């Protein structure tokens, strides 16, 4: 029987048998909660947002109430999305070494080499997958780009909402944006970024299934449980690299 050893909060220790899989707590609860409360609102926001752009549901008695309902759901989902985004940004500075901001910024040569290895793997120029305990370098940079898109989506969304909501708080927080960019351009940017989320989700699901199948480490399950099964020697190498950083 293979011995499984459990470590909490991503702590890494040298296992007794480096070839045995080790059960490691990689994705902490705030990471998993923010993951799902970013994804689910994006689905709702995309559906309601596209309806607001091009009403495609025919309602008896007119579409006025339908549009109002869609707008309400869109606004509520938007604030849930903002809360989840802020939670993830906070955990950039409080999380373990796999969810910390240092894991996402390509500041070291090994990260650039890692991106090249993953590009070669996805383009069928490399047969073997380089294993990682957390995100691989290419995935980390991609997530960083998507977080940037999310921030732009939030700012443009709040700018659009301030045009109809008014009040004293929103104009102070976001009123500067419509003064810099025409509101129609803000609306177009807000709408177009939605399609980047579509493209990301397609590749994200594909790559997650592919890497989970290749590594056989419980990657898909880890976004629910937080745990991955990592070979002892790989865990030891990861700990040495992060200690050197």
C-alpha atoms as a PDB file:
ATOM      1  CA  UNK A   1       0.000   0.000   0.000  1.00  0.00           C
ATOM      2  CA  UNK A   2       1.260   3.491  -0.883  1.00  0.00           C
ATOM      3  CA  UNK A   3       1.719   5.696   2.140  1.00  0.00           C
ATOM      4  CA  UNK A   4      -0.059   9.036   1.936  1.00  0.00           C
ATOM      5  CA  UNK A   5       1.029  11.869   4.195  1.00  0.00           C
ATOM      6  CA  UNK A   6      -1.087  14.987   4.677  1.00  0.00           C
ATOM      7  CA  UNK A   7       0.199  18.540   5.182  1.00  0.00           C
ATOM      8  CA  UNK A   8      -1.969  21.559   5.896  1.00  0.00           C
ATOM      9  CA  UNK A   9      -1.898  25.006   4.281  1.00  0.00           C
ATOM     10  CA  UNK A  10       0.599  24.074   1.606  1.00  0.00           C
ATOM     11  CA  UNK A  11       3.460  23.411   4.015  1.00  0.00           C
ATOM     12  CA  UNK A  12       6.168  21.313   2.414  1.00  0.00           C
ATOM     13  CA  UNK A  13       8.287  18.776   4.294  1.00  0.00           C
ATOM     14  CA  UNK A  14      10.712  16.106   3.173  1.00  0.00           C
ATOM     15  CA  UNK A  15       8.808  12.808   2.981  1.00  0.00           C
ATOM     16  CA  UNK A  16      10.462   9.608   4.186  1.00  0.00           C
ATOM     17  CA  UNK A  17      10.057   7.967   0.765  1.00  0.00           C
ATOM     18  CA  UNK A  18      10.546  10.476  -2.016  1.00  0.00           C
ATOM     19  CA  UNK A  19       8.850   8.216  -4.576  1.00  0.00           C
ATOM     20  CA  UNK A  20       5.580   7.953  -2.617  1.00  0.00           C
ATOM     21  CA  UNK A  21       2.690  10.312  -3.437  1.00  0.00           C
ATOM     22  CA  UNK A  22       2.116  12.955  -0.799  1.00  0.00           C
ATOM     23  CA  UNK A  23      -1.281  14.520  -0.117  1.00  0.00           C
ATOM     24  CA  UNK A  24      -0.619  18.274  -0.149  1.00  0.00           C
ATOM     25  CA  UNK A  25      -3.051  21.078   0.654  1.00  0.00           C
ATOM     26  CA  UNK A  26      -2.333  23.323  -2.331  1.00  0.00           C
ATOM     27  CA  UNK A  27      -5.488  25.384  -2.928  1.00  0.00           C
ATOM     28  CA  UNK A  28      -6.672  27.037   0.264  1.00  0.00           C
ATOM     29  CA  UNK A  29     -10.340  27.703   0.968  1.00  0.00           C
ATOM     30  CA  UNK A  30     -10.315  31.400  -0.121  1.00  0.00           C
ATOM     31  CA  UNK A  31      -8.751  30.365  -3.449  1.00  0.00           C
ATOM     32  CA  UNK A  32     -11.461  27.775  -4.084  1.00  0.00           C
ATOM     33  CA  UNK A  33     -14.305  30.031  -2.941  1.00  0.00           C
ATOM     34  CA  UNK A  34     -13.120  32.927  -5.079  1.00  0.00           C
ATOM     35  CA  UNK A  35     -12.635  30.572  -8.048  1.00  0.00           C
ATOM     36  CA  UNK A  36     -16.277  29.459  -8.052  1.00  0.00           C
ATOM     37  CA  UNK A  37     -17.710  32.856  -7.110  1.00  0.00           C
ATOM     38  CA  UNK A  38     -15.825  34.377 -10.011  1.00  0.00           C
ATOM     39  CA  UNK A  39     -16.796  31.672 -12.503  1.00  0.00           C
ATOM     40  CA  UNK A  40     -20.511  31.414 -11.679  1.00  0.00           C
ATOM     41  CA  UNK A  41     -21.195  35.187 -11.806  1.00  0.00           C
ATOM     42  CA  UNK A  42     -19.293  35.374 -15.113  1.00  0.00           C
ATOM     43  CA  UNK A  43     -21.764  32.839 -16.554  1.00  0.00           C
ATOM     44  CA  UNK A  44     -24.753  34.853 -15.291  1.00  0.00           C
ATOM     45  CA  UNK A  45     -23.202  38.197 -16.267  1.00  0.00           C
ATOM     46  CA  UNK A  46     -22.461  36.939 -19.780  1.00  0.00           C
ATOM     47  CA  UNK A  47     -26.028  35.705 -20.300  1.00  0.00           C
ATOM     48  CA  UNK A  48     -27.718  38.817 -18.919  1.00  0.00           C
ATOM     49  CA  UNK A  49     -25.176  41.161 -20.478  1.00  0.00           C
ATOM     50  CA  UNK A  50     -25.644  39.691 -23.925  1.00  0.00           C
ATOM     51  CA  UNK A  51     -29.414  39.951 -23.489  1.00  0.00           C
ATOM     52  CA  UNK A  52     -29.070  43.615 -22.578  1.00  0.00           C
ATOM     53  CA  UNK A  53     -26.967  44.095 -25.720  1.00  0.00           C
ATOM     54  CA  UNK A  54     -29.340  42.147 -27.967  1.00  0.00           C
ATOM     55  CA  UNK A  55     -32.666  41.044 -26.378  1.00  0.00           C
ATOM     56  CA  UNK A  56     -33.224  37.515 -27.664  1.00  0.00           C
ATOM     57  CA  UNK A  57     -36.048  36.376 -25.368  1.00  0.00           C
ATOM     58  CA  UNK A  58     -39.555  37.210 -26.510  1.00  0.00           C
ATOM     59  CA  UNK A  59     -41.837  37.946 -23.552  1.00  0.00           C
ATOM     60  CA  UNK A  60     -45.583  38.276 -23.779  1.00  0.00           C
ATOM     61  CA  UNK A  61     -46.818  41.749 -22.953  1.00  0.00           C
ATOM     62  CA  UNK A  62     -43.587  43.464 -23.960  1.00  0.00           C
ATOM     63  CA  UNK A  63     -39.974  43.177 -22.927  1.00  0.00           C
ATOM     64  CA  UNK A  64     -39.802  46.108 -20.490  1.00  0.00           C
ATOM     65  CA  UNK A  65     -40.117  43.992 -17.349  1.00  0.00           C
ATOM     66  CA  UNK A  66     -37.835  41.315 -18.809  1.00  0.00           C
ATOM     67  CA  UNK A  67     -35.128  43.892 -19.445  1.00  0.00           C
ATOM     68  CA  UNK A  68     -35.511  45.283 -15.920  1.00  0.00           C
ATOM     69  CA  UNK A  69     -35.172  41.771 -14.484  1.00  0.00           C
ATOM     70  CA  UNK A  70     -32.062  41.090 -16.545  1.00  0.00           C
ATOM     71  CA  UNK A  71     -30.515  44.383 -15.454  1.00  0.00           C
ATOM     72  CA  UNK A  72     -31.234  43.625 -11.806  1.00  0.00           C
ATOM     73  CA  UNK A  73     -29.698  40.134 -12.035  1.00  0.00           C
ATOM     74  CA  UNK A  74     -26.723  41.606 -13.889  1.00  0.00           C
ATOM     75  CA  UNK A  75     -26.077  44.217 -11.196  1.00  0.00           C
ATOM     76  CA  UNK A  76     -26.402  41.764  -8.291  1.00  0.00           C
ATOM     77  CA  UNK A  77     -24.138  39.229 -10.019  1.00  0.00           C
ATOM     78  CA  UNK A  78     -21.676  42.010 -10.733  1.00  0.00           C
ATOM     79  CA  UNK A  79     -21.297  42.873  -7.066  1.00  0.00           C
ATOM     80  CA  UNK A  80     -20.865  39.185  -6.175  1.00  0.00           C
ATOM     81  CA  UNK A  81     -18.150  39.060  -8.831  1.00  0.00           C
ATOM     82  CA  UNK A  82     -16.464  42.146  -7.352  1.00  0.00           C
ATOM     83  CA  UNK A  83     -16.523  40.633  -3.852  1.00  0.00           C
ATOM     84  CA  UNK A  84     -14.945  37.389  -5.094  1.00  0.00           C
ATOM     85  CA  UNK A  85     -12.324  39.319  -7.051  1.00  0.00           C
ATOM     86  CA  UNK A  86     -11.390  41.400  -3.998  1.00  0.00           C
ATOM     87  CA  UNK A  87     -11.115  38.212  -1.913  1.00  0.00           C
ATOM     88  CA  UNK A  88      -8.700  36.735  -4.450  1.00  0.00           C
ATOM     89  CA  UNK A  89      -6.663  39.943  -4.563  1.00  0.00           C
ATOM     90  CA  UNK A  90      -6.427  39.916  -0.773  1.00  0.00           C
ATOM     91  CA  UNK A  91      -5.249  36.302  -0.853  1.00  0.00           C
ATOM     92  CA  UNK A  92      -2.470  37.273  -3.237  1.00  0.00           C
ATOM     93  CA  UNK A  93      -0.754  38.685  -0.123  1.00  0.00           C
ATOM     94  CA  UNK A  94      -2.001  36.233   2.518  1.00  0.00           C
ATOM     95  CA  UNK A  95      -1.977  32.890   0.713  1.00  0.00           C
ATOM     96  CA  UNK A  96       0.580  30.106   0.578  1.00  0.00           C
ATOM     97  CA  UNK A  97       3.465  29.974  -1.903  1.00  0.00           C
ATOM     98  CA  UNK A  98       1.251  28.564  -4.687  1.00  0.00           C
ATOM     99  CA  UNK A  99      -1.401  31.291  -4.488  1.00  0.00           C
ATOM    100  CA  UNK A 100       0.853  34.210  -3.550  1.00  0.00           C
ATOM    101  CA  UNK A 101       1.543  37.003  -6.053  1.00  0.00           C
ATOM    102  CA  UNK A 102       5.146  35.816  -6.436  1.00  0.00           C
ATOM    103  CA  UNK A 103       3.891  32.666  -8.144  1.00  0.00           C
ATOM    104  CA  UNK A 104       2.232  34.710 -10.908  1.00  0.00           C
ATOM    105  CA  UNK A 105       4.785  37.364 -11.859  1.00  0.00           C
ATOM    106  CA  UNK A 106       7.476  36.027 -14.246  1.00  0.00           C
ATOM    107  CA  UNK A 107      10.395  37.616 -12.413  1.00  0.00           C
ATOM    108  CA  UNK A 108      12.822  34.708 -12.641  1.00  0.00           C
ATOM    109  CA  UNK A 109      14.561  32.929 -15.483  1.00  0.00           C
ATOM    110  CA  UNK A 110      13.140  29.551 -14.471  1.00  0.00           C
ATOM    111  CA  UNK A 111       9.602  30.944 -14.930  1.00  0.00           C
ATOM    112  CA  UNK A 112      10.382  32.067 -18.479  1.00  0.00           C
ATOM    113  CA  UNK A 113      11.868  28.636 -19.222  1.00  0.00           C
ATOM    114  CA  UNK A 114       8.723  27.092 -17.781  1.00  0.00           C
ATOM    115  CA  UNK A 115       6.533  29.175 -20.090  1.00  0.00           C
ATOM    116  CA  UNK A 116       8.596  28.043 -23.074  1.00  0.00           C
ATOM    117  CA  UNK A 117       8.252  24.406 -22.032  1.00  0.00           C
ATOM    118  CA  UNK A 118       4.467  24.687 -21.746  1.00  0.00           C
ATOM    119  CA  UNK A 119       4.135  26.505 -25.080  1.00  0.00           C
ATOM    120  CA  UNK A 120       6.162  23.693 -26.676  1.00  0.00           C
ATOM    121  CA  UNK A 121       3.949  21.089 -24.981  1.00  0.00           C
ATOM    122  CA  UNK A 122       0.673  22.699 -26.084  1.00  0.00           C
ATOM    123  CA  UNK A 123       2.010  23.097 -29.645  1.00  0.00           C
ATOM    124  CA  UNK A 124       3.023  19.406 -29.813  1.00  0.00           C
ATOM    125  CA  UNK A 125       6.731  20.264 -29.932  1.00  0.00           C
ATOM    126  CA  UNK A 126       7.379  18.604 -26.577  1.00  0.00           C
ATOM    127  CA  UNK A 127       6.132  15.162 -25.605  1.00  0.00           C
ATOM    128  CA  UNK A 128       6.710  15.190 -21.858  1.00  0.00           C
ATOM    129  CA  UNK A 129       4.825  17.492 -19.509  1.00  0.00           C
ATOM    130  CA  UNK A 130       6.863  19.341 -16.889  1.00  0.00           C
ATOM    131  CA  UNK A 131       5.137  18.671 -13.585  1.00  0.00           C
ATOM    132  CA  UNK A 132       4.295  21.403 -11.068  1.00  0.00           C
ATOM    133  CA  UNK A 133       2.814  21.393  -7.587  1.00  0.00           C
ATOM    134  CA  UNK A 134       0.941  24.663  -8.170  1.00  0.00           C
ATOM    135  CA  UNK A 135       0.355  26.535 -11.418  1.00  0.00           C
ATOM    136  CA  UNK A 136       2.802  26.109 -14.242  1.00  0.00           C
ATOM    137  CA  UNK A 137       4.488  29.335 -15.385  1.00  0.00           C
ATOM    138  CA  UNK A 138       2.348  29.774 -18.508  1.00  0.00           C
ATOM    139  CA  UNK A 139      -0.891  29.228 -16.595  1.00  0.00           C
ATOM    140  CA  UNK A 140       0.215  31.698 -13.910  1.00  0.00           C
ATOM    141  CA  UNK A 141       0.878  34.461 -16.453  1.00  0.00           C
ATOM    142  CA  UNK A 142      -2.425  33.690 -18.188  1.00  0.00           C
ATOM    143  CA  UNK A 143      -4.289  33.996 -14.879  1.00  0.00           C
ATOM    144  CA  UNK A 144      -2.527  37.281 -14.220  1.00  0.00           C
ATOM    145  CA  UNK A 145      -3.708  38.548 -17.613  1.00  0.00           C
ATOM    146  CA  UNK A 146      -7.266  37.416 -16.879  1.00  0.00           C
ATOM    147  CA  UNK A 147      -7.209  39.134 -13.484  1.00  0.00           C
ATOM    148  CA  UNK A 148      -6.220  42.314 -15.338  1.00  0.00           C
ATOM    149  CA  UNK A 149      -9.165  41.848 -17.709  1.00  0.00           C
ATOM    150  CA  UNK A 150     -11.440  41.301 -14.699  1.00  0.00           C
ATOM    151  CA  UNK A 151     -10.270  44.583 -13.172  1.00  0.00           C
ATOM    152  CA  UNK A 152     -10.986  46.402 -16.446  1.00  0.00           C
ATOM    153  CA  UNK A 153     -14.400  44.719 -16.618  1.00  0.00           C
ATOM    154  CA  UNK A 154     -15.177  45.835 -13.066  1.00  0.00           C
ATOM    155  CA  UNK A 155     -14.094  49.439 -13.682  1.00  0.00           C
ATOM    156  CA  UNK A 156     -16.025  49.745 -16.941  1.00  0.00           C
ATOM    157  CA  UNK A 157     -19.057  48.047 -15.401  1.00  0.00           C
ATOM    158  CA  UNK A 158     -19.085  50.446 -12.470  1.00  0.00           C
ATOM    159  CA  UNK A 159     -18.649  53.380 -14.869  1.00  0.00           C
ATOM    160  CA  UNK A 160     -21.697  52.241 -16.853  1.00  0.00           C
ATOM    161  CA  UNK A 161     -23.693  51.634 -13.672  1.00  0.00           C
ATOM    162  CA  UNK A 162     -22.846  55.114 -12.368  1.00  0.00           C
ATOM    163  CA  UNK A 163     -24.527  56.625 -15.442  1.00  0.00           C
ATOM    164  CA  UNK A 164     -27.924  55.250 -14.378  1.00  0.00           C
ATOM    165  CA  UNK A 165     -27.490  54.870 -10.615  1.00  0.00           C
ATOM    166  CA  UNK A 166     -26.134  58.296  -9.786  1.00  0.00           C
ATOM    167  CA  UNK A 167     -25.657  58.982  -6.086  1.00  0.00           C
ATOM    168  CA  UNK A 168     -22.618  60.462  -4.365  1.00  0.00           C
ATOM    169  CA  UNK A 169     -20.303  57.447  -3.952  1.00  0.00           C
ATOM    170  CA  UNK A 170     -19.970  55.990  -7.450  1.00  0.00           C
ATOM    171  CA  UNK A 171     -19.195  59.305  -9.201  1.00  0.00           C
ATOM    172  CA  UNK A 172     -16.366  59.871  -6.723  1.00  0.00           C
ATOM    173  CA  UNK A 173     -14.943  56.357  -7.152  1.00  0.00           C
ATOM    174  CA  UNK A 174     -15.337  55.906 -10.896  1.00  0.00           C
ATOM    175  CA  UNK A 175     -16.518  59.244 -12.281  1.00  0.00           C
ATOM    176  CA  UNK A 176     -13.040  59.948 -13.675  1.00  0.00           C
ATOM    177  CA  UNK A 177     -13.269  57.123 -16.226  1.00  0.00           C
ATOM    178  CA  UNK A 178     -16.087  58.549 -18.424  1.00  0.00           C
ATOM    179  CA  UNK A 179     -14.145  61.829 -18.478  1.00  0.00           C
ATOM    180  CA  UNK A 180     -11.164  60.024 -20.000  1.00  0.00           C
ATOM    181  CA  UNK A 181     -12.985  57.628 -22.332  1.00  0.00           C
ATOM    182  CA  UNK A 182     -16.259  58.158 -24.171  1.00  0.00           C
ATOM    183  CA  UNK A 183     -19.080  56.170 -22.561  1.00  0.00           C
ATOM    184  CA  UNK A 184     -19.821  54.323 -25.818  1.00  0.00           C
ATOM    185  CA  UNK A 185     -16.208  53.152 -25.984  1.00  0.00           C
ATOM    186  CA  UNK A 186     -16.440  52.044 -22.356  1.00  0.00           C
ATOM    187  CA  UNK A 187     -19.573  50.040 -23.198  1.00  0.00           C
ATOM    188  CA  UNK A 188     -17.870  48.450 -26.218  1.00  0.00           C
ATOM    189  CA  UNK A 189     -14.771  47.526 -24.181  1.00  0.00           C
ATOM    190  CA  UNK A 190     -16.962  46.073 -21.442  1.00  0.00           C
ATOM    191  CA  UNK A 191     -18.811  43.974 -23.999  1.00  0.00           C
ATOM    192  CA  UNK A 192     -15.711  42.751 -25.867  1.00  0.00           C
ATOM    193  CA  UNK A 193     -13.846  41.585 -22.767  1.00  0.00           C
ATOM    194  CA  UNK A 194     -16.694  39.145 -22.184  1.00  0.00           C
ATOM    195  CA  UNK A 195     -15.514  37.161 -25.219  1.00  0.00           C
ATOM    196  CA  UNK A 196     -12.003  36.908 -23.794  1.00  0.00           C
ATOM    197  CA  UNK A 197     -13.571  35.155 -20.797  1.00  0.00           C
ATOM    198  CA  UNK A 198     -15.257  32.700 -23.172  1.00  0.00           C
ATOM    199  CA  UNK A 199     -11.943  31.863 -24.834  1.00  0.00           C
ATOM    200  CA  UNK A 200     -10.205  31.507 -21.475  1.00  0.00           C
ATOM    201  CA  UNK A 201     -12.852  29.165 -20.049  1.00  0.00           C
ATOM    202  CA  UNK A 202     -12.624  26.879 -23.094  1.00  0.00           C
ATOM    203  CA  UNK A 203      -8.839  26.590 -22.842  1.00  0.00           C
ATOM    204  CA  UNK A 204      -8.907  26.437 -19.044  1.00  0.00           C
ATOM    205  CA  UNK A 205     -11.223  23.418 -18.985  1.00  0.00           C
ATOM    206  CA  UNK A 206      -9.317  21.700 -21.804  1.00  0.00           C
ATOM    207  CA  UNK A 207      -5.891  22.222 -20.217  1.00  0.00           C
ATOM    208  CA  UNK A 208      -7.124  21.256 -16.735  1.00  0.00           C
ATOM    209  CA  UNK A 209      -8.500  17.947 -18.009  1.00  0.00           C
ATOM    210  CA  UNK A 210      -5.378  17.311 -20.103  1.00  0.00           C
ATOM    211  CA  UNK A 211      -2.891  18.076 -17.318  1.00  0.00           C
ATOM    212  CA  UNK A 212      -4.953  16.149 -14.768  1.00  0.00           C
ATOM    213  CA  UNK A 213      -4.901  13.116 -17.065  1.00  0.00           C
ATOM    214  CA  UNK A 214      -1.164  13.437 -17.703  1.00  0.00           C
ATOM    215  CA  UNK A 215      -0.090  14.033 -14.112  1.00  0.00           C
ATOM    216  CA  UNK A 216      -2.782  11.871 -12.456  1.00  0.00           C
ATOM    217  CA  UNK A 217      -2.494  13.966  -9.317  1.00  0.00           C
ATOM    218  CA  UNK A 218      -6.123  14.876  -8.614  1.00  0.00           C
ATOM    219  CA  UNK A 219      -5.919  18.290 -10.290  1.00  0.00           C
ATOM    220  CA  UNK A 220      -9.631  18.469 -11.146  1.00  0.00           C
ATOM    221  CA  UNK A 221     -10.658  17.293  -7.702  1.00  0.00           C
ATOM    222  CA  UNK A 222      -8.287  19.775  -6.034  1.00  0.00           C
ATOM    223  CA  UNK A 223     -10.461  22.774  -6.934  1.00  0.00           C
ATOM    224  CA  UNK A 224     -13.149  21.187  -4.719  1.00  0.00           C
ATOM    225  CA  UNK A 225     -11.007  19.673  -1.949  1.00  0.00           C
ATOM    226  CA  UNK A 226      -7.811  21.749  -2.110  1.00  0.00           C
ATOM    227  CA  UNK A 227      -5.608  18.643  -2.111  1.00  0.00           C
ATOM    228  CA  UNK A 228      -3.302  17.276  -4.785  1.00  0.00           C
ATOM    229  CA  UNK A 229      -1.228  14.083  -4.778  1.00  0.00           C
ATOM    230  CA  UNK A 230       2.377  14.958  -5.519  1.00  0.00           C
ATOM    231  CA  UNK A 231       5.374  12.588  -5.797  1.00  0.00           C
ATOM    232  CA  UNK A 232       7.735  13.056  -2.886  1.00  0.00           C
ATOM    233  CA  UNK A 233      10.756  13.942  -5.002  1.00  0.00           C
ATOM    234  CA  UNK A 234       8.740  16.562  -6.906  1.00  0.00           C
ATOM    235  CA  UNK A 235       7.519  18.055  -3.638  1.00  0.00           C
ATOM    236  CA  UNK A 236      11.078  18.195  -2.311  1.00  0.00           C
ATOM    237  CA  UNK A 237      12.298  19.901  -5.490  1.00  0.00           C
ATOM    238  CA  UNK A 238       9.467  22.430  -5.357  1.00  0.00           C
ATOM    239  CA  UNK A 239      10.292  23.240  -1.728  1.00  0.00           C
ATOM    240  CA  UNK A 240      13.967  23.762  -2.581  1.00  0.00           C
ATOM    241  CA  UNK A 241      13.149  26.108  -5.478  1.00  0.00           C
ATOM    242  CA  UNK A 242      10.743  28.215  -3.439  1.00  0.00           C
ATOM    243  CA  UNK A 243      13.174  28.388  -0.540  1.00  0.00           C
ATOM    244  CA  UNK A 244      15.820  29.698  -2.937  1.00  0.00           C
ATOM    245  CA  UNK A 245      13.378  32.384  -4.118  1.00  0.00           C
END
